[in-house]
Amino acid sequence: MITLVCGVRQETPTLLLIKALKELDADFHVVNQEELSNHVQVRWSYDNNGCKGTIRIKDEYLDIQNISGVFLRFMSTEHMPDAKKNEATLTKTRSVIISLTDLFDILPIKVINPKYGMMTNFSKPNQSLMIRKSMFKIPDTLITNKPALATSFIEHFNFNVIYKSISCERSIVKKVKKNDIEQIDHIKHLPTQFQKYIEGNNIRVHVVGDQTFATEVTTETVDYRYAHVDGDNAELKPIDLPLDIKNRCIELTKRLGLVFSGIDLIRNKNDYYCLEVNTSPGYSYYELSTGQPISQALATYLTND
């Protein structure tokens, strides 16, 4: 049986997983997104007898019934190198990605992560409701495109408020400054999420099946991913979480229909607030900084019977 690794081959999370699969002597193939338009062809059909078909990767044909697991990390086609220079390449790449993700949604195999689970990241408000069902606290939140409501919320918390995107598009989380009020009318054109700023320690929890890998991040920057932009540093270290918090993270991951997640927590004294869940986490930053064997856990999950 074969494991497929789907994504941009040279992206660090993909490279780490390839290395881990090689260490397990696993039988796997890489479906490189940069080669989809020229070197990958997908043909499959579905009827009462099940699903059958082939995936051609260059000159090799794979029977889809021989696939046992898939790691799925395709990036937005608009962000591919040279994508905007060739509309035909972009269109064909999109078509192959759609065909593959639909196929993996039907096959009775292990998928990291299924399409329906990945889509829970498309709406932060909906995801917050699911987070709350897993017994995590969430910060006081306002989503609005009305300047007066936003101003009232910000002043109620004495400007101790952050703002960010409500969609899956990446945004830099920032704290509201007093001179930002001068531009508050701009939200009329873009509903924005405002949240009370929670003091405490940032914790990223990666969940792989029933395993958790927790990393504490120490920095003065609100969004530690961009600490370097503010001339600051972010220090990462592995930590052990209380058992009930581990279990909540595992339960939340399953509730969202995921196998693999990156959960962002804030620990404020004895309280744990959940900010959001990344459904396709760039785990390599944490693994390379802490030595946590996240890629090994992914490889083991995909290849174990």
Protein backbone atom coordinates (compact mmCIF):
# COMPACT_ATOMS: atom_id res chain seq x y z
CA MET A 1 0.00 0.00 0.00
CA ILE A 2 1.14 3.51 -0.84
CA THR A 3 1.11 6.84 1.03
CA LEU A 4 0.77 10.02 -1.02
CA VAL A 5 2.35 13.31 0.03
CA CYS A 6 0.54 16.12 -1.79
CA GLY A 7 1.85 19.67 -1.78
CA VAL A 8 4.80 21.81 -2.79
CA ARG A 9 7.75 19.44 -2.53
CA GLN A 10 10.27 22.06 -1.40
CA GLU A 11 8.08 23.50 1.35
CA THR A 12 9.63 22.68 4.74
CA PRO A 13 6.63 20.82 6.27
CA THR A 14 6.55 18.57 3.21
CA LEU A 15 10.32 17.97 3.30
CA LEU A 16 10.19 17.01 6.99
CA LEU A 17 7.41 14.49 6.34
CA ILE A 18 9.30 13.00 3.38
CA LYS A 19 12.35 12.56 5.62
CA ALA A 20 10.23 10.88 8.32
CA LEU A 21 8.63 8.52 5.80
CA LYS A 22 12.06 7.56 4.46
CA GLU A 23 13.22 6.79 8.00
CA LEU A 24 10.26 4.41 8.34
CA ASP A 25 11.18 2.84 4.99
CA ALA A 26 7.62 3.57 3.89
CA ASP A 27 6.32 3.16 0.35
CA PHE A 28 5.26 6.66 -0.69
CA HIS A 29 4.98 9.00 -3.65
CA VAL A 30 5.15 12.79 -3.75
CA VAL A 31 2.46 14.58 -5.76
CA ASN A 32 4.28 17.86 -6.31
CA GLN A 33 1.88 20.76 -6.82
CA GLU A 34 4.36 22.54 -9.07
CA GLU A 35 4.18 19.62 -11.52
CA LEU A 36 0.42 19.02 -11.53
CA SER A 37 -0.27 20.68 -14.86
CA ASN A 38 2.42 18.79 -16.80
CA HIS A 39 3.16 15.52 -15.01
CA VAL A 40 0.01 14.46 -13.12
CA GLN A 41 -3.15 13.01 -14.60
CA VAL A 42 -6.14 11.79 -12.58
CA ARG A 43 -8.84 9.44 -13.86
CA TRP A 44 -11.39 7.88 -11.57
CA SER A 45 -15.02 6.84 -11.42
CA TYR A 46 -17.49 5.87 -8.72
CA ASP A 47 -20.41 3.43 -8.87
CA ASN A 48 -22.20 0.90 -6.68
CA ASN A 49 -19.08 -1.27 -6.64
CA GLY A 50 -16.93 1.51 -5.22
CA CYS A 51 -14.23 3.77 -6.57
CA LYS A 52 -11.68 2.82 -9.22
CA GLY A 53 -9.14 4.64 -11.31
CA THR A 54 -5.52 5.70 -11.64
CA ILE A 55 -3.22 8.59 -10.85
CA ARG A 56 -0.38 9.09 -13.30
CA ILE A 57 2.73 10.74 -11.89
CA LYS A 58 5.13 11.31 -14.79
CA ASP A 59 5.48 7.82 -16.33
CA GLU A 60 4.16 5.84 -13.37
CA TYR A 61 0.54 4.80 -12.92
CA LEU A 62 -0.89 4.26 -9.41
CA ASP A 63 -4.04 2.24 -8.85
CA ILE A 64 -6.11 4.31 -6.43
CA GLN A 65 -7.14 1.13 -4.61
CA ASN A 66 -3.51 0.77 -3.52
CA ILE A 67 -3.52 4.13 -1.70
CA SER A 68 -3.70 3.77 2.09
CA GLY A 69 -3.01 7.31 3.28
CA VAL A 70 -2.69 10.90 2.06
CA PHE A 71 -1.01 14.00 3.45
CA LEU A 72 -2.79 16.93 1.83
CA ARG A 73 -1.11 20.34 1.82
CA PHE A 74 -1.85 22.06 -1.45
CA MET A 75 -1.35 25.81 -1.34
CA SER A 76 -3.61 28.37 -2.98
CA THR A 77 -2.84 28.22 -6.68
CA GLU A 78 -2.58 32.02 -6.84
CA HIS A 79 0.45 31.82 -4.54
CA MET A 80 2.33 29.33 -6.70
CA PRO A 81 5.55 30.52 -8.36
CA ASP A 82 4.82 31.90 -11.84
CA ALA A 83 1.11 31.10 -11.46
CA LYS A 84 -0.02 34.51 -12.64
CA LYS A 85 2.18 34.32 -15.72
CA ASN A 86 0.38 31.34 -17.23
CA GLU A 87 -3.41 31.14 -16.97
CA ALA A 88 -3.53 27.72 -18.66
CA THR A 89 -1.16 26.25 -16.07
CA LEU A 90 -3.19 27.80 -13.27
CA THR A 91 -6.48 26.43 -14.62
CA LYS A 92 -5.15 22.90 -15.12
CA THR A 93 -3.52 22.89 -11.68
CA ARG A 94 -6.81 23.89 -10.07
CA SER A 95 -8.62 21.15 -11.98
CA VAL A 96 -6.20 18.44 -10.82
CA ILE A 97 -6.37 19.65 -7.20
CA ILE A 98 -10.18 19.55 -7.24
CA SER A 99 -10.20 16.05 -8.73
CA LEU A 100 -7.69 14.76 -6.16
CA THR A 101 -9.35 16.32 -3.11
CA ASP A 102 -12.76 15.02 -4.21
CA LEU A 103 -11.24 11.56 -4.69
CA PHE A 104 -9.58 11.55 -1.27
CA ASP A 105 -12.90 12.61 0.26
CA ILE A 106 -14.51 9.42 -1.10
CA LEU A 107 -11.79 6.82 -0.61
CA PRO A 108 -11.88 4.87 2.70
CA ILE A 109 -8.32 5.86 3.62
CA LYS A 110 -6.42 7.98 6.14
CA VAL A 111 -6.32 11.63 5.05
CA ILE A 112 -4.49 14.47 6.76
CA ASN A 113 -6.73 16.44 6.56
CA PRO A 114 -10.13 15.67 5.01
CA LYS A 115 -11.64 18.47 2.92
CA TYR A 116 -14.70 18.95 5.15
CA GLY A 117 -12.44 19.37 8.18
CA MET A 118 -10.19 21.86 6.41
CA MET A 119 -13.22 24.01 5.55
CA THR A 120 -13.93 24.71 9.23
CA ASN A 121 -11.15 27.30 9.02
CA PHE A 122 -13.00 29.30 6.36
CA SER A 123 -15.16 31.00 9.00
CA LYS A 124 -13.56 32.06 12.28
CA PRO A 125 -16.96 32.87 13.88
CA ASN A 126 -18.30 29.39 13.17
CA GLN A 127 -15.07 27.83 14.38
CA SER A 128 -15.31 29.81 17.63
CA LEU A 129 -18.73 28.28 18.32
CA MET A 130 -17.26 24.80 17.87
CA ILE A 131 -14.31 25.69 20.11
CA ARG A 132 -16.70 26.70 22.87
CA LYS A 133 -18.45 23.31 22.61
CA SER A 134 -15.13 21.72 23.53
CA MET A 135 -15.21 23.58 26.86
CA PHE A 136 -12.51 26.12 26.04
CA LYS A 137 -12.93 29.75 26.97
CA ILE A 138 -12.82 32.25 24.13
CA PRO A 139 -12.10 35.97 24.49
CA ASP A 140 -14.98 38.47 24.44
CA THR A 141 -15.57 38.97 20.73
CA LEU A 142 -17.29 41.41 18.39
CA ILE A 143 -17.63 40.92 14.64
CA THR A 144 -18.99 43.96 12.89
CA ASN A 145 -18.74 46.40 10.01
CA LYS A 146 -20.38 49.17 12.04
CA PRO A 147 -17.85 51.75 13.24
CA ALA A 148 -19.97 52.89 16.20
CA LEU A 149 -20.27 49.34 17.60
CA ALA A 150 -16.55 48.72 17.13
CA THR A 151 -15.65 51.99 18.86
CA SER A 152 -17.95 51.19 21.78
CA PHE A 153 -16.41 47.72 22.16
CA ILE A 154 -12.86 49.07 22.01
CA GLU A 155 -13.55 51.82 24.55
CA HIS A 156 -15.36 49.38 26.86
CA PHE A 157 -12.11 47.42 27.20
CA ASN A 158 -10.01 50.59 27.34
CA PHE A 159 -8.28 49.79 24.02
CA ASN A 160 -7.15 46.42 25.37
CA VAL A 161 -8.42 44.87 22.12
CA ILE A 162 -6.95 43.08 19.10
CA TYR A 163 -8.35 42.82 15.58
CA LYS A 164 -7.96 40.20 12.85
CA SER A 165 -9.55 38.59 9.79
CA ILE A 166 -12.67 36.44 10.12
CA SER A 167 -11.78 34.25 7.12
CA CYS A 168 -9.05 31.70 6.40
CA GLU A 169 -6.90 34.41 4.81
CA ARG A 170 -3.84 35.06 6.93
CA SER A 171 -3.75 38.39 8.70
CA ILE A 172 -1.33 39.92 11.19
CA VAL A 173 -3.03 40.14 14.59
CA LYS A 174 -2.56 43.63 16.02
CA LYS A 175 -3.62 45.54 19.10
CA VAL A 176 -5.88 48.54 18.54
CA LYS A 177 -4.10 51.86 19.03
CA LYS A 178 -5.84 55.12 19.87
CA ASN A 179 -5.05 56.63 16.48
CA ASP A 180 -6.67 53.62 14.78
CA ILE A 181 -10.05 55.07 15.69
CA GLU A 182 -9.44 57.72 13.04
CA GLN A 183 -9.63 54.93 10.42
CA ILE A 184 -12.48 52.94 12.00
CA ASP A 185 -14.85 53.89 9.15
CA HIS A 186 -12.87 51.55 6.88
CA ILE A 187 -14.54 48.52 8.45
CA LYS A 188 -17.78 49.47 6.68
CA HIS A 189 -16.35 47.64 3.67
CA LEU A 190 -14.93 44.64 5.55
CA PRO A 191 -16.52 42.97 8.60
CA THR A 192 -13.73 42.64 11.14
CA GLN A 193 -13.23 40.56 14.28
CA PHE A 194 -12.36 42.40 17.48
CA GLN A 195 -11.43 40.53 20.65
CA LYS A 196 -10.47 41.47 24.17
CA TYR A 197 -6.71 41.08 24.48
CA ILE A 198 -5.85 38.27 26.90
CA GLU A 199 -2.63 38.66 28.87
CA GLY A 200 -0.69 35.45 29.23
CA ASN A 201 1.55 32.90 27.55
CA ASN A 202 1.03 31.84 23.94
CA ILE A 203 0.83 28.07 23.52
CA ARG A 204 0.64 26.22 20.20
CA VAL A 205 -0.65 22.66 20.49
CA HIS A 206 -0.21 20.31 17.55
CA VAL A 207 -2.55 17.33 17.65
CA VAL A 208 -1.83 14.23 15.57
CA GLY A 209 -4.54 11.64 16.16
CA ASP A 210 -4.40 11.05 19.91
CA GLN A 211 -0.98 12.67 20.41
CA THR A 212 -0.30 16.26 21.46
CA PHE A 213 2.83 18.40 21.13
CA ALA A 214 2.67 21.67 23.06
CA THR A 215 5.00 24.63 22.55
CA GLU A 216 5.12 27.74 24.74
CA VAL A 217 6.07 30.96 22.96
CA THR A 218 7.57 33.88 24.86
CA THR A 219 7.63 37.27 23.15
CA GLU A 220 6.58 40.90 23.64
CA THR A 221 4.88 40.95 20.23
CA VAL A 222 1.11 40.39 19.99
CA ASP A 223 1.44 38.11 16.93
CA TYR A 224 4.61 36.12 17.61
CA ARG A 225 4.76 34.90 13.99
CA TYR A 226 5.85 38.40 13.05
CA ALA A 227 8.03 39.22 16.06
CA HIS A 228 10.97 39.90 13.73
CA VAL A 229 8.98 42.66 12.00
CA ASP A 230 8.80 44.52 15.34
CA GLY A 231 12.49 43.89 16.00
CA ASP A 232 11.57 41.36 18.69
CA ASN A 233 12.38 37.68 19.22
CA ALA A 234 10.13 34.72 19.93
CA GLU A 235 11.46 31.98 22.19
CA LEU A 236 9.91 28.54 21.77
CA LYS A 237 10.12 25.66 24.21
CA PRO A 238 8.25 22.35 24.54
CA ILE A 239 5.97 22.04 27.55
CA ASP A 240 3.65 19.46 29.08
CA LEU A 241 -0.01 20.38 29.40
CA PRO A 242 -2.48 19.23 32.06
CA LEU A 243 -4.24 16.04 31.00
CA ASP A 244 -7.66 17.69 30.75
CA ILE A 245 -6.30 20.36 28.39
CA LYS A 246 -4.65 17.69 26.22
CA ASN A 247 -7.92 15.81 26.06
CA ARG A 248 -9.85 18.96 25.16
CA CYS A 249 -7.41 19.63 22.30
CA ILE A 250 -7.84 16.09 20.98
CA GLU A 251 -11.62 16.30 21.31
CA LEU A 252 -11.72 19.69 19.55
CA THR A 253 -9.61 18.35 16.68
CA LYS A 254 -12.03 15.45 16.19
CA ARG A 255 -15.04 17.75 16.53
CA LEU A 256 -13.72 19.78 13.61
CA GLY A 257 -13.33 16.63 11.50
CA LEU A 258 -9.53 16.77 11.60
CA VAL A 259 -6.69 14.36 12.28
CA PHE A 260 -3.98 17.02 12.47
CA SER A 261 -4.42 20.51 13.92
CA GLY A 262 -2.51 23.48 15.27
CA ILE A 263 -4.43 24.94 18.21
CA ASP A 264 -3.58 28.41 19.49
CA LEU A 265 -4.08 28.85 23.23
CA ILE A 266 -3.40 31.60 25.74
CA ARG A 267 -2.72 30.56 29.32
CA ASN A 268 -3.88 33.25 31.74
CA LYS A 269 -3.05 32.09 35.25
CA ASN A 270 -5.04 28.84 35.49
CA ASP A 271 -7.36 29.58 32.58
CA TYR A 272 -6.80 28.40 29.01
CA TYR A 273 -8.35 30.47 26.22
CA CYS A 274 -8.54 29.05 22.70
CA LEU A 275 -8.00 31.65 19.98
CA GLU A 276 -8.38 29.53 16.86
CA VAL A 277 -7.49 26.24 15.18
CA ASN A 278 -5.23 25.99 12.15
CA THR A 279 -6.45 23.16 9.92
CA SER A 280 -3.24 22.95 7.89
CA PRO A 281 -0.55 24.01 10.34
CA GLY A 282 2.96 24.92 9.22
CA TYR A 283 4.36 22.72 11.97
CA SER A 284 7.97 22.86 10.78
CA TYR A 285 8.64 26.16 12.60
CA TYR A 286 7.81 24.49 15.90
CA GLU A 287 9.51 21.17 15.19
CA LEU A 288 12.78 22.79 14.10
CA SER A 289 12.73 25.15 17.09
CA THR A 290 11.94 22.56 19.76
CA GLY A 291 12.90 19.16 18.37
CA GLN A 292 9.38 17.81 18.87
CA PRO A 293 8.86 14.80 16.52
CA ILE A 294 5.69 16.07 14.84
CA SER A 295 6.68 14.85 11.37
CA GLN A 296 7.44 11.41 12.79
CA ALA A 297 3.99 11.27 14.36
CA LEU A 298 2.41 12.22 11.02
CA ALA A 299 4.40 9.57 9.16
CA THR A 300 3.57 6.90 11.73
CA TYR A 301 -0.13 7.75 11.64
CA LEU A 302 -0.25 7.56 7.85
CA THR A 303 1.61 4.24 7.56
CA ASN A 304 0.24 2.28 10.53
CA ASP A 305 -2.48 -0.25 9.73
